[in-house]
């Protein structure tokens, strides 16, 4: 079965679940300029954070990375993540269950 969604038509601010009840968990994140998400973690997940539009300061653990539209980050969900929008931002975040084989 194939499911197709349009990011702009999804309900939910700042998070919208792209494909509810399916794995990997896929979220559209939208933040207004200056908007932020409090530090949190996603244990046992590998995360891909793709910035569709805008600029975001992505705090991962004790480091902050500035991402611009088109950038993609991959990181371990065990560390704390805290995105803050430098300007209006839309991102697609994929949270995949960590595989046992990390080779």
C-alpha atoms as a PDB file:
ATOM      1  CA  UNK A   1       0.000   0.000   0.000  1.00  0.00           C
ATOM      2  CA  UNK A   2       1.287   3.471  -0.874  1.00  0.00           C
ATOM      3  CA  UNK A   3       0.318   6.547   1.123  1.00  0.00           C
ATOM      4  CA  UNK A   4       1.022  10.051  -0.155  1.00  0.00           C
ATOM      5  CA  UNK A   5       0.658  13.220   1.935  1.00  0.00           C
ATOM      6  CA  UNK A   6       1.133  16.915   1.218  1.00  0.00           C
ATOM      7  CA  UNK A   7       3.023  18.677   4.025  1.00  0.00           C
ATOM      8  CA  UNK A   8       0.982  21.875   3.747  1.00  0.00           C
ATOM      9  CA  UNK A   9      -2.314  20.017   4.214  1.00  0.00           C
ATOM     10  CA  UNK A  10      -1.387  18.283   7.499  1.00  0.00           C
ATOM     11  CA  UNK A  11      -3.145  19.289  10.720  1.00  0.00           C
ATOM     12  CA  UNK A  12      -1.180  20.038  13.866  1.00  0.00           C
ATOM     13  CA  UNK A  13       1.108  22.792  15.115  1.00  0.00           C
ATOM     14  CA  UNK A  14       3.978  22.660  15.748  1.00  0.00           C
ATOM     15  CA  UNK A  15       3.910  18.876  15.138  1.00  0.00           C
ATOM     16  CA  UNK A  16       1.865  17.012  12.554  1.00  0.00           C
ATOM     17  CA  UNK A  17       2.115  13.238  12.259  1.00  0.00           C
ATOM     18  CA  UNK A  18       2.609  12.557   8.543  1.00  0.00           C
ATOM     19  CA  UNK A  19       1.660   8.852   8.588  1.00  0.00           C
ATOM     20  CA  UNK A  20      -0.212   8.156  11.856  1.00  0.00           C
ATOM     21  CA  UNK A  21       0.217   4.723  13.439  1.00  0.00           C
ATOM     22  CA  UNK A  22       3.040   3.664  11.116  1.00  0.00           C
ATOM     23  CA  UNK A  23       6.780   3.224  11.474  1.00  0.00           C
ATOM     24  CA  UNK A  24       9.083   4.919  11.075  1.00  0.00           C
ATOM     25  CA  UNK A  25       7.403   7.808  12.869  1.00  0.00           C
ATOM     26  CA  UNK A  26       7.416  10.811  10.544  1.00  0.00           C
ATOM     27  CA  UNK A  27       6.645  14.338  11.763  1.00  0.00           C
ATOM     28  CA  UNK A  28       6.260  17.706  10.065  1.00  0.00           C
ATOM     29  CA  UNK A  29       7.571  20.398  12.418  1.00  0.00           C
ATOM     30  CA  UNK A  30       6.575  24.022  11.823  1.00  0.00           C
ATOM     31  CA  UNK A  31       7.887  26.846  13.971  1.00  0.00           C
ATOM     32  CA  UNK A  32       7.372  30.591  13.716  1.00  0.00           C
ATOM     33  CA  UNK A  33      10.434  32.832  13.967  1.00  0.00           C
ATOM     34  CA  UNK A  34      11.776  32.496  17.529  1.00  0.00           C
ATOM     35  CA  UNK A  35       9.656  29.398  18.201  1.00  0.00           C
ATOM     36  CA  UNK A  36      11.319  26.522  19.962  1.00  0.00           C
ATOM     37  CA  UNK A  37      10.777  23.049  21.334  1.00  0.00           C
ATOM     38  CA  UNK A  38      11.993  22.325  24.876  1.00  0.00           C
ATOM     39  CA  UNK A  39      14.944  19.930  25.213  1.00  0.00           C
ATOM     40  CA  UNK A  40      13.831  16.313  25.006  1.00  0.00           C
ATOM     41  CA  UNK A  41      15.115  12.920  23.853  1.00  0.00           C
ATOM     42  CA  UNK A  42      13.834  10.048  21.725  1.00  0.00           C
ATOM     43  CA  UNK A  43      15.469   6.990  23.323  1.00  0.00           C
ATOM     44  CA  UNK A  44      16.148   3.991  21.107  1.00  0.00           C
ATOM     45  CA  UNK A  45      15.582   6.024  17.921  1.00  0.00           C
ATOM     46  CA  UNK A  46      17.785   7.152  15.064  1.00  0.00           C
ATOM     47  CA  UNK A  47      16.647  10.542  13.798  1.00  0.00           C
ATOM     48  CA  UNK A  48      16.809  12.213  10.415  1.00  0.00           C
ATOM     49  CA  UNK A  49      15.984  15.938  10.509  1.00  0.00           C
ATOM     50  CA  UNK A  50      15.444  17.500   7.062  1.00  0.00           C
ATOM     51  CA  UNK A  51      14.958  21.259   6.926  1.00  0.00           C
ATOM     52  CA  UNK A  52      12.496  22.019   4.117  1.00  0.00           C
ATOM     53  CA  UNK A  53      12.463  25.807   4.590  1.00  0.00           C
ATOM     54  CA  UNK A  54      13.841  28.419   6.960  1.00  0.00           C
ATOM     55  CA  UNK A  55      16.781  28.423   9.348  1.00  0.00           C
ATOM     56  CA  UNK A  56      16.975  26.566  12.643  1.00  0.00           C
ATOM     57  CA  UNK A  57      19.452  26.298  15.496  1.00  0.00           C
ATOM     58  CA  UNK A  58      19.425  22.607  16.349  1.00  0.00           C
ATOM     59  CA  UNK A  59      20.788  21.918  19.825  1.00  0.00           C
ATOM     60  CA  UNK A  60      22.012  18.328  20.110  1.00  0.00           C
ATOM     61  CA  UNK A  61      23.396  17.544  23.545  1.00  0.00           C
ATOM     62  CA  UNK A  62      25.882  20.312  24.349  1.00  0.00           C
ATOM     63  CA  UNK A  63      26.395  21.434  20.715  1.00  0.00           C
ATOM     64  CA  UNK A  64      24.302  23.737  18.544  1.00  0.00           C
ATOM     65  CA  UNK A  65      24.184  23.394  14.751  1.00  0.00           C
ATOM     66  CA  UNK A  66      22.700  25.988  12.418  1.00  0.00           C
ATOM     67  CA  UNK A  67      20.760  24.369   9.590  1.00  0.00           C
ATOM     68  CA  UNK A  68      19.436  26.131   6.505  1.00  0.00           C
ATOM     69  CA  UNK A  69      16.817  24.963   4.015  1.00  0.00           C
ATOM     70  CA  UNK A  70      18.026  21.820   2.261  1.00  0.00           C
ATOM     71  CA  UNK A  71      20.259  20.656   5.130  1.00  0.00           C
ATOM     72  CA  UNK A  72      19.742  17.210   6.587  1.00  0.00           C
ATOM     73  CA  UNK A  73      21.051  15.963   9.932  1.00  0.00           C
ATOM     74  CA  UNK A  74      21.241  12.380  11.209  1.00  0.00           C
ATOM     75  CA  UNK A  75      21.746  11.748  14.921  1.00  0.00           C
ATOM     76  CA  UNK A  76      21.134   9.440  17.866  1.00  0.00           C
ATOM     77  CA  UNK A  77      17.843  10.109  19.641  1.00  0.00           C
ATOM     78  CA  UNK A  78      19.306   9.272  23.057  1.00  0.00           C
ATOM     79  CA  UNK A  79      20.796  12.769  23.261  1.00  0.00           C
ATOM     80  CA  UNK A  80      18.670  15.818  24.005  1.00  0.00           C
ATOM     81  CA  UNK A  81      17.351  17.732  21.012  1.00  0.00           C
ATOM     82  CA  UNK A  82      16.015  21.298  21.130  1.00  0.00           C
ATOM     83  CA  UNK A  83      15.273  23.093  17.839  1.00  0.00           C
ATOM     84  CA  UNK A  84      14.818  26.890  17.760  1.00  0.00           C
ATOM     85  CA  UNK A  85      13.645  28.690  14.625  1.00  0.00           C
ATOM     86  CA  UNK A  86      15.826  31.608  13.547  1.00  0.00           C
ATOM     87  CA  UNK A  87      13.140  32.331  10.952  1.00  0.00           C
ATOM     88  CA  UNK A  88       9.860  30.630  10.039  1.00  0.00           C
ATOM     89  CA  UNK A  89      10.760  26.975   9.641  1.00  0.00           C
ATOM     90  CA  UNK A  90       9.352  23.729   8.267  1.00  0.00           C
ATOM     91  CA  UNK A  91      11.161  20.436   8.816  1.00  0.00           C
ATOM     92  CA  UNK A  92      10.426  16.771   8.230  1.00  0.00           C
ATOM     93  CA  UNK A  93      11.682  14.531  11.025  1.00  0.00           C
ATOM     94  CA  UNK A  94      11.912  10.751  10.730  1.00  0.00           C
ATOM     95  CA  UNK A  95      12.275   8.782  13.978  1.00  0.00           C
ATOM     96  CA  UNK A  96      13.287   5.221  13.141  1.00  0.00           C
ATOM     97  CA  UNK A  97      13.619   2.432  15.667  1.00  0.00           C
ATOM     98  CA  UNK A  98      17.288   1.736  16.245  1.00  0.00           C
ATOM     99  CA  UNK A  99      18.351  -1.495  14.617  1.00  0.00           C
ATOM    100  CA  UNK A 100      20.280  -4.029  16.674  1.00  0.00           C
ATOM    101  CA  UNK A 101      23.040  -4.074  14.040  1.00  0.00           C
ATOM    102  CA  UNK A 102      24.927  -0.752  14.159  1.00  0.00           C
ATOM    103  CA  UNK A 103      27.668  -1.774  11.729  1.00  0.00           C
END
